[in-house]
Amino acid sequence: MRAPAVDLAGATGLGEYAALLHDAAVLVSGDTGAAHLAAATGTRSVTIFMAGDPVRWAHAGPRHRTARVAVGCSPCPHLHCPHDGRLHLRCGHELPVAAVLAEAEAVLAAP
């Protein structure tokens, strides 16, 4: 970032948030409504998938990338991991920050 972050959590409606996303260089987000809104506004995005299914929910095209850990049990319908009982431990906590940053750099370099 080239400017200080501004926390607008809870301070915007959907329309304002869409306008903010439209002007953003890239959104890095979990598989949430923000990622889908970014795709709808044409904003480049990196969607982080933990238990979710990127084959089903990821957006196609060079302006959208995904980051995830390839574990044998993903996609998964559980909120707490049945292997260790913690919240998305294997699929979320093992995702290196460097991998997410690499996807962000790649999507920013895309046409």
PDB file of N, CA and C in Angstrom:
ATOM      1  N   MET A   1       0.844  -1.181   0.000  1.00  0.00           N
ATOM      2  CA  MET A   1       0.000   0.000   0.000  1.00  0.00           C
ATOM      3  C   MET A   1       0.884   1.238   0.000  1.00  0.00           C
ATOM      4  N   ARG A   2       0.402   2.244  -0.642  1.00  0.00           N
ATOM      5  CA  ARG A   2       1.144   3.499  -0.697  1.00  0.00           C
ATOM      6  C   ARG A   2       0.534   4.558   0.208  1.00  0.00           C
ATOM      7  N   ALA A   3      -0.565   4.247   0.847  1.00  0.00           N
ATOM      8  CA  ALA A   3      -1.244   5.185   1.747  1.00  0.00           C
ATOM      9  C   ALA A   3      -1.677   4.418   2.986  1.00  0.00           C
ATOM     10  N   PRO A   4      -1.903   5.117   4.075  1.00  0.00           N
ATOM     11  CA  PRO A   4      -2.370   4.433   5.288  1.00  0.00           C
ATOM     12  C   PRO A   4      -3.731   3.766   5.057  1.00  0.00           C
ATOM     13  N   ALA A   5      -3.942   2.663   5.740  1.00  0.00           N
ATOM     14  CA  ALA A   5      -5.219   1.958   5.655  1.00  0.00           C
ATOM     15  C   ALA A   5      -6.307   2.763   6.365  1.00  0.00           C
ATOM     16  N   VAL A   6      -7.518   2.654   5.859  1.00  0.00           N
ATOM     17  CA  VAL A   6      -8.678   3.289   6.482  1.00  0.00           C
ATOM     18  C   VAL A   6      -9.673   2.186   6.796  1.00  0.00           C
ATOM     19  N   ASP A   7     -10.099   2.082   8.029  1.00  0.00           N
ATOM     20  CA  ASP A   7     -11.055   1.059   8.451  1.00  0.00           C
ATOM     21  C   ASP A   7     -12.476   1.588   8.232  1.00  0.00           C
ATOM     22  N   LEU A   8     -13.172   1.043   7.242  1.00  0.00           N
ATOM     23  CA  LEU A   8     -14.544   1.428   6.952  1.00  0.00           C
ATOM     24  C   LEU A   8     -15.526   0.320   7.304  1.00  0.00           C
ATOM     25  N   ALA A   9     -15.088  -0.637   8.105  1.00  0.00           N
ATOM     26  CA  ALA A   9     -15.962  -1.748   8.500  1.00  0.00           C
ATOM     27  C   ALA A   9     -17.217  -1.205   9.168  1.00  0.00           C
ATOM     28  N   GLY A  10     -18.351  -1.550   8.631  1.00  0.00           N
ATOM     29  CA  GLY A  10     -19.631  -1.133   9.175  1.00  0.00           C
ATOM     30  C   GLY A  10     -20.027   0.292   8.821  1.00  0.00           C
ATOM     31  N   ALA A  11     -19.180   0.986   8.072  1.00  0.00           N
ATOM     32  CA  ALA A  11     -19.453   2.393   7.760  1.00  0.00           C
ATOM     33  C   ALA A  11     -19.981   2.613   6.345  1.00  0.00           C
ATOM     34  N   THR A  12     -20.120   1.543   5.566  1.00  0.00           N
ATOM     35  CA  THR A  12     -20.608   1.681   4.201  1.00  0.00           C
ATOM     36  C   THR A  12     -21.756   0.716   3.946  1.00  0.00           C
ATOM     37  N   GLY A  13     -22.582   1.072   3.000  1.00  0.00           N
ATOM     38  CA  GLY A  13     -23.599   0.160   2.506  1.00  0.00           C
ATOM     39  C   GLY A  13     -23.024  -0.623   1.338  1.00  0.00           C
ATOM     40  N   LEU A  14     -23.818  -1.489   0.768  1.00  0.00           N
ATOM     41  CA  LEU A  14     -23.355  -2.326  -0.336  1.00  0.00           C
ATOM     42  C   LEU A  14     -22.922  -1.489  -1.534  1.00  0.00           C
ATOM     43  N   GLY A  15     -23.686  -0.455  -1.857  1.00  0.00           N
ATOM     44  CA  GLY A  15     -23.344   0.399  -2.996  1.00  0.00           C
ATOM     45  C   GLY A  15     -22.030   1.126  -2.806  1.00  0.00           C
ATOM     46  N   GLU A  16     -21.812   1.669  -1.612  1.00  0.00           N
ATOM     47  CA  GLU A  16     -20.551   2.354  -1.332  1.00  0.00           C
ATOM     48  C   GLU A  16     -19.383   1.382  -1.364  1.00  0.00           C
ATOM     49  N   TYR A  17     -19.616   0.194  -0.834  1.00  0.00           N
ATOM     50  CA  TYR A  17     -18.552  -0.801  -0.833  1.00  0.00           C
ATOM     51  C   TYR A  17     -18.205  -1.211  -2.270  1.00  0.00           C
ATOM     52  N   ALA A  18     -19.208  -1.373  -3.102  1.00  0.00           N
ATOM     53  CA  ALA A  18     -18.972  -1.708  -4.508  1.00  0.00           C
ATOM     54  C   ALA A  18     -18.167  -0.604  -5.187  1.00  0.00           C
ATOM     55  N   ALA A  19     -18.478   0.657  -4.891  1.00  0.00           N
ATOM     56  CA  ALA A  19     -17.733   1.777  -5.479  1.00  0.00           C
ATOM     57  C   ALA A  19     -16.283   1.769  -5.005  1.00  0.00           C
ATOM     58  N   LEU A  20     -16.056   1.487  -3.740  1.00  0.00           N
ATOM     59  CA  LEU A  20     -14.690   1.392  -3.226  1.00  0.00           C
ATOM     60  C   LEU A  20     -13.932   0.255  -3.905  1.00  0.00           C
ATOM     61  N   LEU A  21     -14.575  -0.887  -4.057  1.00  0.00           N
ATOM     62  CA  LEU A  21     -13.931  -2.016  -4.724  1.00  0.00           C
ATOM     63  C   LEU A  21     -13.605  -1.692  -6.173  1.00  0.00           C
ATOM     64  N   HIS A  22     -14.512  -1.011  -6.842  1.00  0.00           N
ATOM     65  CA  HIS A  22     -14.312  -0.669  -8.255  1.00  0.00           C
ATOM     66  C   HIS A  22     -13.022   0.111  -8.454  1.00  0.00           C
ATOM     67  N   ASP A  23     -12.675   0.953  -7.495  1.00  0.00           N
ATOM     68  CA  ASP A  23     -11.475   1.778  -7.604  1.00  0.00           C
ATOM     69  C   ASP A  23     -10.230   1.129  -7.007  1.00  0.00           C
ATOM     70  N   ALA A  24     -10.374  -0.054  -6.426  1.00  0.00           N
ATOM     71  CA  ALA A  24      -9.233  -0.720  -5.799  1.00  0.00           C
ATOM     72  C   ALA A  24      -8.351  -1.398  -6.845  1.00  0.00           C
ATOM     73  N   ALA A  25      -7.061  -1.489  -6.554  1.00  0.00           N
ATOM     74  CA  ALA A  25      -6.136  -2.182  -7.451  1.00  0.00           C
ATOM     75  C   ALA A  25      -6.373  -3.683  -7.399  1.00  0.00           C
ATOM     76  N   VAL A  26      -6.597  -4.214  -6.194  1.00  0.00           N
ATOM     77  CA  VAL A  26      -6.820  -5.655  -6.008  1.00  0.00           C
ATOM     78  C   VAL A  26      -7.484  -5.873  -4.648  1.00  0.00           C
ATOM     79  N   LEU A  27      -8.338  -6.874  -4.587  1.00  0.00           N
ATOM     80  CA  LEU A  27      -8.921  -7.307  -3.317  1.00  0.00           C
ATOM     81  C   LEU A  27      -8.331  -8.664  -2.971  1.00  0.00           C
ATOM     82  N   VAL A  28      -7.827  -8.808  -1.760  1.00  0.00           N
ATOM     83  CA  VAL A  28      -7.403 -10.107  -1.227  1.00  0.00           C
ATOM     84  C   VAL A  28      -8.395 -10.428  -0.126  1.00  0.00           C
ATOM     85  N   SER A  29      -9.116 -11.534  -0.306  1.00  0.00           N
ATOM     86  CA  SER A  29     -10.238 -11.828   0.580  1.00  0.00           C
ATOM     87  C   SER A  29     -10.436 -13.322   0.696  1.00  0.00           C
ATOM     88  N   GLY A  30     -11.098 -13.718   1.763  1.00  0.00           N
ATOM     89  CA  GLY A  30     -11.571 -15.090   1.854  1.00  0.00           C
ATOM     90  C   GLY A  30     -12.704 -15.292   0.865  1.00  0.00           C
ATOM     91  N   ASP A  31     -13.168 -16.517   0.765  1.00  0.00           N
ATOM     92  CA  ASP A  31     -14.281 -16.847  -0.127  1.00  0.00           C
ATOM     93  C   ASP A  31     -15.565 -16.321   0.506  1.00  0.00           C
ATOM     94  N   THR A  32     -15.797 -15.033   0.336  1.00  0.00           N
ATOM     95  CA  THR A  32     -16.940 -14.355   0.938  1.00  0.00           C
ATOM     96  C   THR A  32     -17.632 -13.500  -0.113  1.00  0.00           C
ATOM     97  N   GLY A  33     -18.645 -12.798   0.308  1.00  0.00           N
ATOM     98  CA  GLY A  33     -19.359 -11.897  -0.590  1.00  0.00           C
ATOM     99  C   GLY A  33     -18.459 -10.835  -1.187  1.00  0.00           C
ATOM    100  N   ALA A  34     -17.432 -10.411  -0.452  1.00  0.00           N
ATOM    101  CA  ALA A  34     -16.507  -9.396  -0.975  1.00  0.00           C
ATOM    102  C   ALA A  34     -15.835  -9.872  -2.258  1.00  0.00           C
ATOM    103  N   ALA A  35     -15.440 -11.134  -2.306  1.00  0.00           N
ATOM    104  CA  ALA A  35     -14.799 -11.672  -3.503  1.00  0.00           C
ATOM    105  C   ALA A  35     -15.763 -11.675  -4.686  1.00  0.00           C
ATOM    106  N   HIS A  36     -17.000 -12.013  -4.443  1.00  0.00           N
ATOM    107  CA  HIS A  36     -17.997 -12.034  -5.523  1.00  0.00           C
ATOM    108  C   HIS A  36     -18.340 -10.620  -5.972  1.00  0.00           C
ATOM    109  N   LEU A  37     -18.384  -9.673  -5.040  1.00  0.00           N
ATOM    110  CA  LEU A  37     -18.645  -8.282  -5.391  1.00  0.00           C
ATOM    111  C   LEU A  37     -17.476  -7.706  -6.196  1.00  0.00           C
ATOM    112  N   ALA A  38     -16.259  -8.085  -5.856  1.00  0.00           N
ATOM    113  CA  ALA A  38     -15.093  -7.646  -6.628  1.00  0.00           C
ATOM    114  C   ALA A  38     -15.206  -8.142  -8.067  1.00  0.00           C
ATOM    115  N   ALA A  39     -15.585  -9.385  -8.249  1.00  0.00           N
ATOM    116  CA  ALA A  39     -15.746  -9.923  -9.600  1.00  0.00           C
ATOM    117  C   ALA A  39     -16.838  -9.171 -10.350  1.00  0.00           C
ATOM    118  N   ALA A  40     -17.912  -8.850  -9.660  1.00  0.00           N
ATOM    119  CA  ALA A  40     -19.025  -8.137 -10.299  1.00  0.00           C
ATOM    120  C   ALA A  40     -18.634  -6.719 -10.702  1.00  0.00           C
ATOM    121  N   THR A  41     -17.726  -6.095  -9.956  1.00  0.00           N
ATOM    122  CA  THR A  41     -17.319  -4.726 -10.276  1.00  0.00           C
ATOM    123  C   THR A  41     -16.102  -4.685 -11.187  1.00  0.00           C
ATOM    124  N   GLY A  42     -15.552  -5.843 -11.542  1.00  0.00           N
ATOM    125  CA  GLY A  42     -14.390  -5.891 -12.422  1.00  0.00           C
ATOM    126  C   GLY A  42     -13.068  -5.693 -11.709  1.00  0.00           C
ATOM    127  N   THR A  43     -13.077  -5.758 -10.389  1.00  0.00           N
ATOM    128  CA  THR A  43     -11.867  -5.564  -9.603  1.00  0.00           C
ATOM    129  C   THR A  43     -11.032  -6.834  -9.578  1.00  0.00           C
ATOM    130  N   ARG A  44      -9.754  -6.703  -9.772  1.00  0.00           N
ATOM    131  CA  ARG A  44      -8.850  -7.854  -9.663  1.00  0.00           C
ATOM    132  C   ARG A  44      -8.953  -8.417  -8.253  1.00  0.00           C
ATOM    133  N   SER A  45      -8.829  -9.736  -8.134  1.00  0.00           N
ATOM    134  CA  SER A  45      -8.985 -10.327  -6.810  1.00  0.00           C
ATOM    135  C   SER A  45      -8.158 -11.587  -6.638  1.00  0.00           C
ATOM    136  N   VAL A  46      -7.813 -11.838  -5.386  1.00  0.00           N
ATOM    137  CA  VAL A  46      -7.233 -13.105  -4.956  1.00  0.00           C
ATOM    138  C   VAL A  46      -8.166 -13.627  -3.879  1.00  0.00           C
ATOM    139  N   THR A  47      -8.754 -14.770  -4.133  1.00  0.00           N
ATOM    140  CA  THR A  47      -9.677 -15.365  -3.174  1.00  0.00           C
ATOM    141  C   THR A  47      -8.974 -16.503  -2.454  1.00  0.00           C
ATOM    142  N   ILE A  48      -8.974 -16.423  -1.132  1.00  0.00           N
ATOM    143  CA  ILE A  48      -8.350 -17.455  -0.310  1.00  0.00           C
ATOM    144  C   ILE A  48      -9.410 -18.493   0.031  1.00  0.00           C
ATOM    145  N   PHE A  49      -9.171 -19.718  -0.394  1.00  0.00           N
ATOM    146  CA  PHE A  49     -10.097 -20.818  -0.121  1.00  0.00           C
ATOM    147  C   PHE A  49      -9.524 -21.685   0.981  1.00  0.00           C
ATOM    148  N   MET A  50     -10.336 -21.896   1.991  1.00  0.00           N
ATOM    149  CA  MET A  50      -9.959 -22.830   3.040  1.00  0.00           C
ATOM    150  C   MET A  50     -10.771 -24.100   2.806  1.00  0.00           C
ATOM    151  N   ALA A  51     -11.914 -24.238   3.442  1.00  0.00           N
ATOM    152  CA  ALA A  51     -12.727 -25.439   3.266  1.00  0.00           C
ATOM    153  C   ALA A  51     -13.558 -25.383   1.987  1.00  0.00           C
ATOM    154  N   GLY A  52     -13.748 -24.207   1.419  1.00  0.00           N
ATOM    155  CA  GLY A  52     -14.605 -24.029   0.246  1.00  0.00           C
ATOM    156  C   GLY A  52     -14.043 -24.679  -1.010  1.00  0.00           C
ATOM    157  N   ASP A  53     -14.879 -24.753  -2.024  1.00  0.00           N
ATOM    158  CA  ASP A  53     -14.545 -25.433  -3.264  1.00  0.00           C
ATOM    159  C   ASP A  53     -14.226 -24.417  -4.366  1.00  0.00           C
ATOM    160  N   PRO A  54     -12.951 -24.217  -4.696  1.00  0.00           N
ATOM    161  CA  PRO A  54     -12.616 -23.253  -5.734  1.00  0.00           C
ATOM    162  C   PRO A  54     -13.127 -23.651  -7.116  1.00  0.00           C
ATOM    163  N   VAL A  55     -13.283 -24.924  -7.361  1.00  0.00           N
ATOM    164  CA  VAL A  55     -13.822 -25.353  -8.654  1.00  0.00           C
ATOM    165  C   VAL A  55     -15.241 -24.819  -8.814  1.00  0.00           C
ATOM    166  N   ARG A  56     -15.968 -24.805  -7.735  1.00  0.00           N
ATOM    167  CA  ARG A  56     -17.362 -24.344  -7.777  1.00  0.00           C
ATOM    168  C   ARG A  56     -17.491 -22.832  -7.638  1.00  0.00           C
ATOM    169  N   TRP A  57     -16.666 -22.188  -6.791  1.00  0.00           N
ATOM    170  CA  TRP A  57     -16.906 -20.804  -6.408  1.00  0.00           C
ATOM    171  C   TRP A  57     -15.897 -19.778  -6.916  1.00  0.00           C
ATOM    172  N   ALA A  58     -14.745 -20.204  -7.426  1.00  0.00           N
ATOM    173  CA  ALA A  58     -13.745 -19.243  -7.893  1.00  0.00           C
ATOM    174  C   ALA A  58     -14.199 -18.567  -9.177  1.00  0.00           C
ATOM    175  N   HIS A  59     -13.739 -17.362  -9.370  1.00  0.00           N
ATOM    176  CA  HIS A  59     -14.067 -16.612 -10.586  1.00  0.00           C
ATOM    177  C   HIS A  59     -12.987 -16.867 -11.632  1.00  0.00           C
ATOM    178  N   ALA A  60     -13.408 -17.033 -12.865  1.00  0.00           N
ATOM    179  CA  ALA A  60     -12.495 -17.360 -13.955  1.00  0.00           C
ATOM    180  C   ALA A  60     -11.889 -16.097 -14.557  1.00  0.00           C
ATOM    181  N   GLY A  61     -10.783 -16.290 -15.237  1.00  0.00           N
ATOM    182  CA  GLY A  61     -10.167 -15.201 -15.979  1.00  0.00           C
ATOM    183  C   GLY A  61      -8.889 -14.707 -15.347  1.00  0.00           C
ATOM    184  N   PRO A  62      -8.111 -13.959 -16.104  1.00  0.00           N
ATOM    185  CA  PRO A  62      -6.805 -13.501 -15.632  1.00  0.00           C
ATOM    186  C   PRO A  62      -6.869 -12.454 -14.519  1.00  0.00           C
ATOM    187  N   ARG A  63      -8.029 -11.864 -14.289  1.00  0.00           N
ATOM    188  CA  ARG A  63      -8.171 -10.837 -13.251  1.00  0.00           C
ATOM    189  C   ARG A  63      -8.494 -11.425 -11.877  1.00  0.00           C
ATOM    190  N   HIS A  64      -8.631 -12.756 -11.816  1.00  0.00           N
ATOM    191  CA  HIS A  64      -9.000 -13.414 -10.557  1.00  0.00           C
ATOM    192  C   HIS A  64      -8.111 -14.631 -10.340  1.00  0.00           C
ATOM    193  N   ARG A  65      -7.556 -14.738  -9.150  1.00  0.00           N
ATOM    194  CA  ARG A  65      -6.692 -15.854  -8.791  1.00  0.00           C
ATOM    195  C   ARG A  65      -7.172 -16.439  -7.471  1.00  0.00           C
ATOM    196  N   THR A  66      -6.685 -17.626  -7.171  1.00  0.00           N
ATOM    197  CA  THR A  66      -7.034 -18.259  -5.897  1.00  0.00           C
ATOM    198  C   THR A  66      -5.760 -18.640  -5.157  1.00  0.00           C
ATOM    199  N   ALA A  67      -5.886 -18.739  -3.843  1.00  0.00           N
ATOM    200  CA  ALA A  67      -4.801 -19.225  -2.994  1.00  0.00           C
ATOM    201  C   ALA A  67      -5.405 -20.251  -2.058  1.00  0.00           C
ATOM    202  N   ARG A  68      -4.733 -21.390  -1.933  1.00  0.00           N
ATOM    203  CA  ARG A  68      -5.218 -22.431  -1.042  1.00  0.00           C
ATOM    204  C   ARG A  68      -4.120 -23.442  -0.786  1.00  0.00           C
ATOM    205  N   VAL A  69      -4.289 -24.224   0.253  1.00  0.00           N
ATOM    206  CA  VAL A  69      -3.392 -25.327   0.549  1.00  0.00           C
ATOM    207  C   VAL A  69      -4.058 -26.589   0.007  1.00  0.00           C
ATOM    208  N   ALA A  70      -3.320 -27.341  -0.775  1.00  0.00           N
ATOM    209  CA  ALA A  70      -3.865 -28.568  -1.352  1.00  0.00           C
ATOM    210  C   ALA A  70      -3.800 -29.686  -0.309  1.00  0.00           C
ATOM    211  N   VAL A  71      -4.891 -29.864   0.416  1.00  0.00           N
ATOM    212  CA  VAL A  71      -4.993 -30.971   1.368  1.00  0.00           C
ATOM    213  C   VAL A  71      -6.022 -31.952   0.818  1.00  0.00           C
ATOM    214  N   GLY A  72      -5.846 -33.199   1.108  1.00  0.00           N
ATOM    215  CA  GLY A  72      -6.701 -34.238   0.551  1.00  0.00           C
ATOM    216  C   GLY A  72      -8.161 -34.157   0.955  1.00  0.00           C
ATOM    217  N   CYS A  73      -8.460 -33.444   2.018  1.00  0.00           N
ATOM    218  CA  CYS A  73      -9.838 -33.388   2.514  1.00  0.00           C
ATOM    219  C   CYS A  73     -10.581 -32.129   2.048  1.00  0.00           C
ATOM    220  N   SER A  74     -10.006 -31.367   1.148  1.00  0.00           N
ATOM    221  CA  SER A  74     -10.654 -30.143   0.652  1.00  0.00           C
ATOM    222  C   SER A  74     -11.269 -30.417  -0.708  1.00  0.00           C
ATOM    223  N   PRO A  75     -12.452 -29.940  -0.990  1.00  0.00           N
ATOM    224  CA  PRO A  75     -13.319 -29.106  -0.162  1.00  0.00           C
ATOM    225  C   PRO A  75     -13.971 -29.901   0.959  1.00  0.00           C
ATOM    226  N   CYS A  76     -14.372 -29.169   1.991  1.00  0.00           N
ATOM    227  CA  CYS A  76     -14.860 -29.794   3.208  1.00  0.00           C
ATOM    228  C   CYS A  76     -16.109 -29.076   3.710  1.00  0.00           C
ATOM    229  N   PRO A  77     -17.115 -29.796   4.178  1.00  0.00           N
ATOM    230  CA  PRO A  77     -18.333 -29.150   4.676  1.00  0.00           C
ATOM    231  C   PRO A  77     -18.266 -28.750   6.151  1.00  0.00           C
ATOM    232  N   HIS A  78     -17.155 -29.053   6.817  1.00  0.00           N
ATOM    233  CA  HIS A  78     -17.060 -28.826   8.261  1.00  0.00           C
ATOM    234  C   HIS A  78     -16.537 -27.445   8.592  1.00  0.00           C
ATOM    235  N   LEU A  79     -17.038 -26.878   9.680  1.00  0.00           N
ATOM    236  CA  LEU A  79     -16.499 -25.623  10.185  1.00  0.00           C
ATOM    237  C   LEU A  79     -15.265 -25.867  11.040  1.00  0.00           C
ATOM    238  N   HIS A  80     -15.294 -26.921  11.805  1.00  0.00           N
ATOM    239  CA  HIS A  80     -14.136 -27.321  12.602  1.00  0.00           C
ATOM    240  C   HIS A  80     -13.564 -28.589  11.986  1.00  0.00           C
ATOM    241  N   CYS A  81     -12.258 -28.602  11.824  1.00  0.00           N
ATOM    242  CA  CYS A  81     -11.585 -29.719  11.162  1.00  0.00           C
ATOM    243  C   CYS A  81     -11.819 -31.030  11.915  1.00  0.00           C
ATOM    244  N   PRO A  82     -12.357 -32.057  11.249  1.00  0.00           N
ATOM    245  CA  PRO A  82     -12.567 -33.338  11.920  1.00  0.00           C
ATOM    246  C   PRO A  82     -11.253 -34.071  12.207  1.00  0.00           C
ATOM    247  N   HIS A  83     -10.160 -33.609  11.589  1.00  0.00           N
ATOM    248  CA  HIS A  83      -8.865 -34.258  11.813  1.00  0.00           C
ATOM    249  C   HIS A  83      -8.193 -33.766  13.089  1.00  0.00           C
ATOM    250  N   ASP A  84      -8.398 -32.500  13.434  1.00  0.00           N
ATOM    251  CA  ASP A  84      -7.743 -31.988  14.633  1.00  0.00           C
ATOM    252  C   ASP A  84      -8.663 -31.124  15.500  1.00  0.00           C
ATOM    253  N   GLY A  85      -9.920 -30.959  15.104  1.00  0.00           N
ATOM    254  CA  GLY A  85     -10.909 -30.272  15.922  1.00  0.00           C
ATOM    255  C   GLY A  85     -10.798 -28.761  15.965  1.00  0.00           C
ATOM    256  N   ARG A  86      -9.873 -28.182  15.218  1.00  0.00           N
ATOM    257  CA  ARG A  86      -9.692 -26.739  15.244  1.00  0.00           C
ATOM    258  C   ARG A  86     -10.289 -26.108  13.981  1.00  0.00           C
ATOM    259  N   LEU A  87     -10.499 -24.833  14.028  1.00  0.00           N
ATOM    260  CA  LEU A  87     -11.120 -24.109  12.914  1.00  0.00           C
ATOM    261  C   LEU A  87     -10.158 -24.015  11.734  1.00  0.00           C
ATOM    262  N   HIS A  88     -10.421 -24.743  10.688  1.00  0.00           N
ATOM    263  CA  HIS A  88      -9.667 -24.708   9.425  1.00  0.00           C
ATOM    264  C   HIS A  88      -8.152 -24.734   9.620  1.00  0.00           C
ATOM    265  N   LEU A  89      -7.672 -25.562  10.514  1.00  0.00           N
ATOM    266  CA  LEU A  89      -6.237 -25.558  10.801  1.00  0.00           C
ATOM    267  C   LEU A  89      -5.408 -25.987   9.598  1.00  0.00           C
ATOM    268  N   ARG A  90      -5.691 -27.135   9.058  1.00  0.00           N
ATOM    269  CA  ARG A  90      -4.847 -27.653   7.974  1.00  0.00           C
ATOM    270  C   ARG A  90      -4.962 -26.831   6.707  1.00  0.00           C
ATOM    271  N   CYS A  91      -6.187 -26.443   6.348  1.00  0.00           N
ATOM    272  CA  CYS A  91      -6.379 -25.762   5.069  1.00  0.00           C
ATOM    273  C   CYS A  91      -6.168 -24.258   5.149  1.00  0.00           C
ATOM    274  N   GLY A  92      -6.212 -23.674   6.322  1.00  0.00           N
ATOM    275  CA  GLY A  92      -6.051 -22.236   6.445  1.00  0.00           C
ATOM    276  C   GLY A  92      -4.733 -21.816   7.042  1.00  0.00           C
ATOM    277  N   HIS A  93      -4.373 -22.410   8.138  1.00  0.00           N
ATOM    278  CA  HIS A  93      -3.176 -21.981   8.846  1.00  0.00           C
ATOM    279  C   HIS A  93      -1.892 -22.394   8.140  1.00  0.00           C
ATOM    280  N   GLU A  94      -1.961 -23.354   7.250  1.00  0.00           N
ATOM    281  CA  GLU A  94      -0.764 -23.792   6.541  1.00  0.00           C
ATOM    282  C   GLU A  94      -0.523 -23.003   5.260  1.00  0.00           C
ATOM    283  N   LEU A  95      -1.405 -22.085   4.917  1.00  0.00           N
ATOM    284  CA  LEU A  95      -1.234 -21.284   3.703  1.00  0.00           C
ATOM    285  C   LEU A  95      -0.204 -20.187   3.975  1.00  0.00           C
ATOM    286  N   PRO A  96       0.940 -20.225   3.304  1.00  0.00           N
ATOM    287  CA  PRO A  96       1.972 -19.216   3.555  1.00  0.00           C
ATOM    288  C   PRO A  96       1.553 -17.834   3.024  1.00  0.00           C
ATOM    289  N   VAL A  97       1.865 -16.823   3.773  1.00  0.00           N
ATOM    290  CA  VAL A  97       1.599 -15.450   3.335  1.00  0.00           C
ATOM    291  C   VAL A  97       2.276 -15.206   1.994  1.00  0.00           C
ATOM    292  N   ALA A  98       3.464 -15.733   1.807  1.00  0.00           N
ATOM    293  CA  ALA A  98       4.197 -15.543   0.552  1.00  0.00           C
ATOM    294  C   ALA A  98       3.413 -16.079  -0.645  1.00  0.00           C
ATOM    295  N   ALA A  99       2.663 -17.150  -0.457  1.00  0.00           N
ATOM    296  CA  ALA A  99       1.858 -17.706  -1.550  1.00  0.00           C
ATOM    297  C   ALA A  99       0.726 -16.759  -1.927  1.00  0.00           C
ATOM    298  N   VAL A 100       0.107 -16.146  -0.937  1.00  0.00           N
ATOM    299  CA  VAL A 100      -0.972 -15.186  -1.197  1.00  0.00           C
ATOM    300  C   VAL A 100      -0.401 -13.952  -1.887  1.00  0.00           C
ATOM    301  N   LEU A 101       0.736 -13.464  -1.406  1.00  0.00           N
ATOM    302  CA  LEU A 101       1.373 -12.301  -2.026  1.00  0.00           C
ATOM    303  C   LEU A 101       1.773 -12.582  -3.469  1.00  0.00           C
ATOM    304  N   ALA A 102       2.243 -13.792  -3.747  1.00  0.00           N
ATOM    305  CA  ALA A 102       2.610 -14.168  -5.118  1.00  0.00           C
ATOM    306  C   ALA A 102       1.396 -14.127  -6.031  1.00  0.00           C
ATOM    307  N   GLU A 103       0.258 -14.592  -5.541  1.00  0.00           N
ATOM    308  CA  GLU A 103      -0.971 -14.536  -6.349  1.00  0.00           C
ATOM    309  C   GLU A 103      -1.396 -13.089  -6.579  1.00  0.00           C
ATOM    310  N   ALA A 104      -1.250 -12.243  -5.559  1.00  0.00           N
ATOM    311  CA  ALA A 104      -1.601 -10.821  -5.716  1.00  0.00           C
ATOM    312  C   ALA A 104      -0.695 -10.159  -6.753  1.00  0.00           C
ATOM    313  N   GLU A 105       0.587 -10.443  -6.698  1.00  0.00           N
ATOM    314  CA  GLU A 105       1.509  -9.884  -7.690  1.00  0.00           C
ATOM    315  C   GLU A 105       1.172 -10.378  -9.089  1.00  0.00           C
ATOM    316  N   ALA A 106       0.809 -11.647  -9.213  1.00  0.00           N
ATOM    317  CA  ALA A 106       0.462 -12.211 -10.522  1.00  0.00           C
ATOM    318  C   ALA A 106      -0.805 -11.577 -11.083  1.00  0.00           C
ATOM    319  N   VAL A 107      -1.804 -11.373 -10.239  1.00  0.00           N
ATOM    320  CA  VAL A 107      -3.050 -10.800 -10.733  1.00  0.00           C
ATOM    321  C   VAL A 107      -2.856  -9.325 -11.089  1.00  0.00           C
ATOM    322  N   LEU A 108      -1.991  -8.640 -10.378  1.00  0.00           N
ATOM    323  CA  LEU A 108      -1.701  -7.236 -10.705  1.00  0.00           C
ATOM    324  C   LEU A 108      -0.935  -7.111 -12.019  1.00  0.00           C
ATOM    325  N   ALA A 109      -0.166  -8.128 -12.367  1.00  0.00           N
ATOM    326  CA  ALA A 109       0.595  -8.115 -13.600  1.00  0.00           C
ATOM    327  C   ALA A 109      -0.229  -8.554 -14.817  1.00  0.00           C
ATOM    328  N   ALA A 110      -1.395  -9.132 -14.571  1.00  0.00           N
ATOM    329  CA  ALA A 110      -2.255  -9.619 -15.667  1.00  0.00           C
ATOM    330  C   ALA A 110      -2.840  -8.436 -16.437  1.00  0.00           C
ATOM    331  N   PRO A 111      -3.124  -8.651 -17.723  1.00  0.00           N
ATOM    332  CA  PRO A 111      -3.707  -7.561 -18.526  1.00  0.00           C
ATOM    333  C   PRO A 111      -5.092  -7.155 -18.065  1.00  0.00           C
TER     334      PRO A 111
END
